[in-house]
Amino acid sequence: MLATISSEAFVLGLSAIGAGFVLAVAALGIGIGQGLVGMRGVEGVARQPEAKSDILQIMLVGQAVTETTGIFAFIISILLVAANPLVGLL
C-alpha cells in the first residue's frame, strides 16, 4: 500500500535535506579555507619572525572572512527549515 505525501511535506523534506547539504559543504569549505590561511600564516612567520604581529593580524582577518561563509550558510539553512518561503508558493 502506497502512502500519499502532501506537496507541503515533500517541499519541507527536500528543504531539510538541502539545509543539511548546505551546512556540510560549507563546513568542508570553511575547514579547507581556514587551514590554508593558518598554513600560510605559519609559513610567513617562519620566514619573517620580526613581522609576526602584522602577519597574525592579517591572518585573523582572513580567518574571519572565511568564517562568514559558515554564518551565511547557517542562516540560509535556518530559513529553509524554520521559515520556509517555498511552502507559500504551493
N, C-alpha and C. Protein backbone atom coordinates (compact mmCIF):
# COMPACT_ATOMS: atom_id res chain seq x y z
N MET A 1 0.84 -1.17 0.00
CA MET A 1 0.00 0.00 0.00
C MET A 1 0.89 1.24 0.00
N LEU A 2 0.64 2.13 -0.90
CA LEU A 2 1.44 3.35 -1.00
C LEU A 2 0.82 4.47 -0.18
N ALA A 3 1.67 5.15 0.55
CA ALA A 3 1.20 6.30 1.33
C ALA A 3 1.32 7.55 0.47
N THR A 4 0.35 8.40 0.58
CA THR A 4 0.41 9.65 -0.18
C THR A 4 1.14 10.70 0.63
N ILE A 5 1.91 11.50 -0.06
CA ILE A 5 2.68 12.56 0.58
C ILE A 5 2.15 13.88 0.05
N SER A 6 1.85 14.77 0.96
CA SER A 6 1.35 16.07 0.52
C SER A 6 2.50 16.88 -0.08
N SER A 7 2.14 17.84 -0.91
CA SER A 7 3.16 18.65 -1.55
C SER A 7 3.92 19.50 -0.52
N GLU A 8 3.25 19.90 0.55
CA GLU A 8 3.92 20.68 1.60
C GLU A 8 4.96 19.82 2.33
N ALA A 9 4.60 18.58 2.62
CA ALA A 9 5.55 17.68 3.28
C ALA A 9 6.74 17.38 2.38
N PHE A 10 6.48 17.24 1.10
CA PHE A 10 7.57 16.98 0.15
C PHE A 10 8.54 18.15 0.09
N VAL A 11 8.01 19.38 0.03
CA VAL A 11 8.86 20.57 -0.02
C VAL A 11 9.64 20.72 1.28
N LEU A 12 9.00 20.48 2.42
CA LEU A 12 9.69 20.59 3.70
C LEU A 12 10.77 19.53 3.86
N GLY A 13 10.51 18.33 3.38
CA GLY A 13 11.52 17.27 3.44
C GLY A 13 12.73 17.58 2.59
N LEU A 14 12.48 18.02 1.35
CA LEU A 14 13.61 18.38 0.49
C LEU A 14 14.34 19.61 0.99
N SER A 15 13.64 20.52 1.64
CA SER A 15 14.29 21.69 2.23
C SER A 15 15.22 21.28 3.37
N ALA A 16 14.79 20.31 4.17
CA ALA A 16 15.64 19.83 5.25
C ALA A 16 16.89 19.14 4.70
N ILE A 17 16.72 18.37 3.64
CA ILE A 17 17.88 17.73 3.00
C ILE A 17 18.81 18.79 2.42
N GLY A 18 18.24 19.80 1.79
CA GLY A 18 19.04 20.89 1.23
C GLY A 18 19.78 21.67 2.30
N ALA A 19 19.13 21.91 3.43
CA ALA A 19 19.78 22.63 4.53
C ALA A 19 20.96 21.83 5.07
N GLY A 20 20.79 20.54 5.22
CA GLY A 20 21.89 19.70 5.68
C GLY A 20 23.04 19.68 4.69
N PHE A 21 22.71 19.63 3.41
CA PHE A 21 23.73 19.63 2.36
C PHE A 21 24.51 20.95 2.36
N VAL A 22 23.78 22.07 2.51
CA VAL A 22 24.42 23.38 2.53
C VAL A 22 25.40 23.47 3.70
N LEU A 23 25.00 23.01 4.87
CA LEU A 23 25.88 23.08 6.03
C LEU A 23 27.08 22.15 5.88
N ALA A 24 26.88 20.98 5.30
CA ALA A 24 28.01 20.06 5.13
C ALA A 24 29.04 20.61 4.16
N VAL A 25 28.58 21.14 3.04
CA VAL A 25 29.50 21.69 2.04
C VAL A 25 30.19 22.94 2.58
N ALA A 26 29.44 23.77 3.30
CA ALA A 26 30.04 24.98 3.87
C ALA A 26 31.09 24.61 4.92
N ALA A 27 30.81 23.61 5.74
CA ALA A 27 31.78 23.21 6.75
C ALA A 27 33.06 22.68 6.11
N LEU A 28 32.91 21.94 5.03
CA LEU A 28 34.08 21.43 4.32
C LEU A 28 34.90 22.58 3.74
N GLY A 29 34.23 23.52 3.10
CA GLY A 29 34.93 24.68 2.53
C GLY A 29 35.59 25.55 3.58
N ILE A 30 34.91 25.75 4.69
CA ILE A 30 35.47 26.57 5.76
C ILE A 30 36.70 25.89 6.35
N GLY A 31 36.62 24.61 6.56
CA GLY A 31 37.77 23.88 7.12
C GLY A 31 38.99 23.97 6.23
N ILE A 32 38.77 23.79 4.94
CA ILE A 32 39.90 23.89 3.99
C ILE A 32 40.42 25.32 3.94
N GLY A 33 39.53 26.29 3.87
CA GLY A 33 39.94 27.69 3.78
C GLY A 33 40.70 28.15 5.00
N GLN A 34 40.21 27.83 6.18
CA GLN A 34 40.90 28.25 7.39
C GLN A 34 42.22 27.51 7.57
N GLY A 35 42.26 26.28 7.14
CA GLY A 35 43.53 25.55 7.20
C GLY A 35 44.57 26.18 6.30
N LEU A 36 44.16 26.58 5.11
CA LEU A 36 45.11 27.24 4.20
C LEU A 36 45.58 28.59 4.73
N VAL A 37 44.66 29.36 5.31
CA VAL A 37 45.04 30.65 5.87
C VAL A 37 46.02 30.46 7.02
N GLY A 38 45.74 29.50 7.90
CA GLY A 38 46.65 29.23 9.01
C GLY A 38 48.00 28.73 8.54
N MET A 39 48.00 27.88 7.51
CA MET A 39 49.25 27.35 6.98
C MET A 39 50.13 28.47 6.43
N ARG A 40 49.50 29.36 5.67
CA ARG A 40 50.27 30.46 5.10
C ARG A 40 50.76 31.43 6.17
N GLY A 41 49.97 31.60 7.23
CA GLY A 41 50.40 32.46 8.33
C GLY A 41 51.62 31.89 9.04
N VAL A 42 51.61 30.59 9.29
CA VAL A 42 52.76 29.94 9.93
C VAL A 42 53.99 30.02 9.03
N GLU A 43 53.79 29.82 7.73
CA GLU A 43 54.92 29.92 6.80
C GLU A 43 55.49 31.33 6.79
N GLY A 44 54.61 32.33 6.84
CA GLY A 44 55.07 33.72 6.84
C GLY A 44 55.86 34.06 8.10
N VAL A 45 55.39 33.58 9.25
CA VAL A 45 56.12 33.83 10.50
C VAL A 45 57.44 33.08 10.50
N ALA A 46 57.47 31.90 9.91
CA ALA A 46 58.73 31.15 9.85
C ALA A 46 59.76 31.86 8.98
N ARG A 47 59.29 32.51 7.92
CA ARG A 47 60.20 33.24 7.04
C ARG A 47 60.65 34.57 7.63
N GLN A 48 59.71 35.27 8.27
CA GLN A 48 59.99 36.60 8.82
C GLN A 48 59.45 36.70 10.25
N PRO A 49 60.20 36.22 11.22
CA PRO A 49 59.70 36.25 12.60
C PRO A 49 59.49 37.67 13.14
N GLU A 50 60.20 38.64 12.61
CA GLU A 50 60.04 40.01 13.09
C GLU A 50 58.70 40.63 12.67
N ALA A 51 58.03 40.06 11.68
CA ALA A 51 56.74 40.56 11.20
C ALA A 51 55.57 39.75 11.78
N LYS A 52 55.81 39.10 12.91
CA LYS A 52 54.81 38.20 13.48
C LYS A 52 53.48 38.91 13.78
N SER A 53 53.53 40.09 14.38
CA SER A 53 52.28 40.76 14.75
C SER A 53 51.49 41.18 13.52
N ASP A 54 52.16 41.66 12.47
CA ASP A 54 51.45 42.04 11.24
C ASP A 54 50.84 40.81 10.56
N ILE A 55 51.60 39.74 10.51
CA ILE A 55 51.10 38.52 9.87
C ILE A 55 49.92 37.95 10.65
N LEU A 56 50.02 37.96 11.98
CA LEU A 56 48.93 37.46 12.80
C LEU A 56 47.66 38.29 12.60
N GLN A 57 47.82 39.59 12.53
CA GLN A 57 46.66 40.47 12.33
C GLN A 57 45.97 40.19 10.99
N ILE A 58 46.74 40.08 9.94
CA ILE A 58 46.18 39.80 8.62
C ILE A 58 45.58 38.40 8.57
N MET A 59 46.23 37.44 9.25
CA MET A 59 45.72 36.08 9.27
C MET A 59 44.36 36.01 9.97
N LEU A 60 44.21 36.74 11.07
CA LEU A 60 42.94 36.73 11.79
C LEU A 60 41.82 37.36 10.97
N VAL A 61 42.13 38.39 10.21
CA VAL A 61 41.12 38.98 9.31
C VAL A 61 40.72 37.96 8.24
N GLY A 62 41.69 37.24 7.70
CA GLY A 62 41.39 36.20 6.72
C GLY A 62 40.55 35.09 7.31
N GLN A 63 40.82 34.70 8.56
CA GLN A 63 40.02 33.68 9.23
C GLN A 63 38.58 34.17 9.42
N ALA A 64 38.43 35.43 9.78
CA ALA A 64 37.09 35.98 9.99
C ALA A 64 36.30 36.03 8.69
N VAL A 65 36.94 36.42 7.61
CA VAL A 65 36.26 36.46 6.31
C VAL A 65 35.86 35.05 5.87
N THR A 66 36.72 34.09 6.14
CA THR A 66 36.40 32.71 5.79
C THR A 66 35.22 32.19 6.61
N GLU A 67 35.15 32.59 7.86
CA GLU A 67 34.10 32.11 8.75
C GLU A 67 32.73 32.68 8.40
N THR A 68 32.68 33.84 7.75
CA THR A 68 31.39 34.42 7.39
C THR A 68 30.61 33.53 6.44
N THR A 69 31.29 32.73 5.65
CA THR A 69 30.61 31.79 4.77
C THR A 69 29.76 30.82 5.58
N GLY A 70 30.30 30.33 6.68
CA GLY A 70 29.56 29.42 7.54
C GLY A 70 28.36 30.08 8.19
N ILE A 71 28.52 31.34 8.57
CA ILE A 71 27.41 32.07 9.17
C ILE A 71 26.28 32.24 8.16
N PHE A 72 26.63 32.61 6.93
CA PHE A 72 25.61 32.75 5.89
C PHE A 72 24.92 31.42 5.59
N ALA A 73 25.69 30.34 5.53
CA ALA A 73 25.11 29.01 5.29
C ALA A 73 24.18 28.61 6.43
N PHE A 74 24.55 28.94 7.66
CA PHE A 74 23.71 28.63 8.81
C PHE A 74 22.40 29.40 8.75
N ILE A 75 22.46 30.67 8.38
CA ILE A 75 21.24 31.48 8.27
C ILE A 75 20.33 30.93 7.17
N ILE A 76 20.90 30.56 6.04
CA ILE A 76 20.10 30.01 4.95
C ILE A 76 19.45 28.70 5.36
N SER A 77 20.18 27.85 6.06
CA SER A 77 19.61 26.57 6.48
C SER A 77 18.49 26.77 7.50
N ILE A 78 18.64 27.75 8.40
CA ILE A 78 17.57 28.04 9.35
C ILE A 78 16.33 28.53 8.61
N LEU A 79 16.53 29.39 7.61
CA LEU A 79 15.39 29.87 6.83
C LEU A 79 14.69 28.74 6.09
N LEU A 80 15.46 27.81 5.55
CA LEU A 80 14.86 26.69 4.82
C LEU A 80 14.06 25.77 5.74
N VAL A 81 14.52 25.60 6.96
CA VAL A 81 13.85 24.66 7.86
C VAL A 81 12.73 25.34 8.65
N ALA A 82 12.99 26.52 9.20
CA ALA A 82 12.02 27.13 10.12
C ALA A 82 11.00 28.01 9.40
N ALA A 83 11.46 28.89 8.55
CA ALA A 83 10.55 29.84 7.90
C ALA A 83 10.64 29.65 6.39
N ASN A 84 10.22 28.49 5.95
CA ASN A 84 10.40 28.10 4.55
C ASN A 84 9.55 28.98 3.62
N PRO A 85 10.20 29.77 2.77
CA PRO A 85 9.42 30.61 1.84
C PRO A 85 8.84 29.82 0.67
N LEU A 86 9.30 28.61 0.46
CA LEU A 86 8.82 27.82 -0.68
C LEU A 86 7.44 27.22 -0.44
N VAL A 87 7.06 27.04 0.81
CA VAL A 87 5.75 26.45 1.12
C VAL A 87 4.64 27.40 0.69
N GLY A 88 4.86 28.69 0.79
CA GLY A 88 3.86 29.66 0.39
C GLY A 88 3.60 29.69 -1.10
N LEU A 89 4.50 29.14 -1.89
CA LEU A 89 4.33 29.13 -3.35
C LEU A 89 3.47 27.98 -3.84
N LEU A 90 3.11 27.06 -2.95
CA LEU A 90 2.33 25.88 -3.36
C LEU A 90 0.88 26.24 -3.65
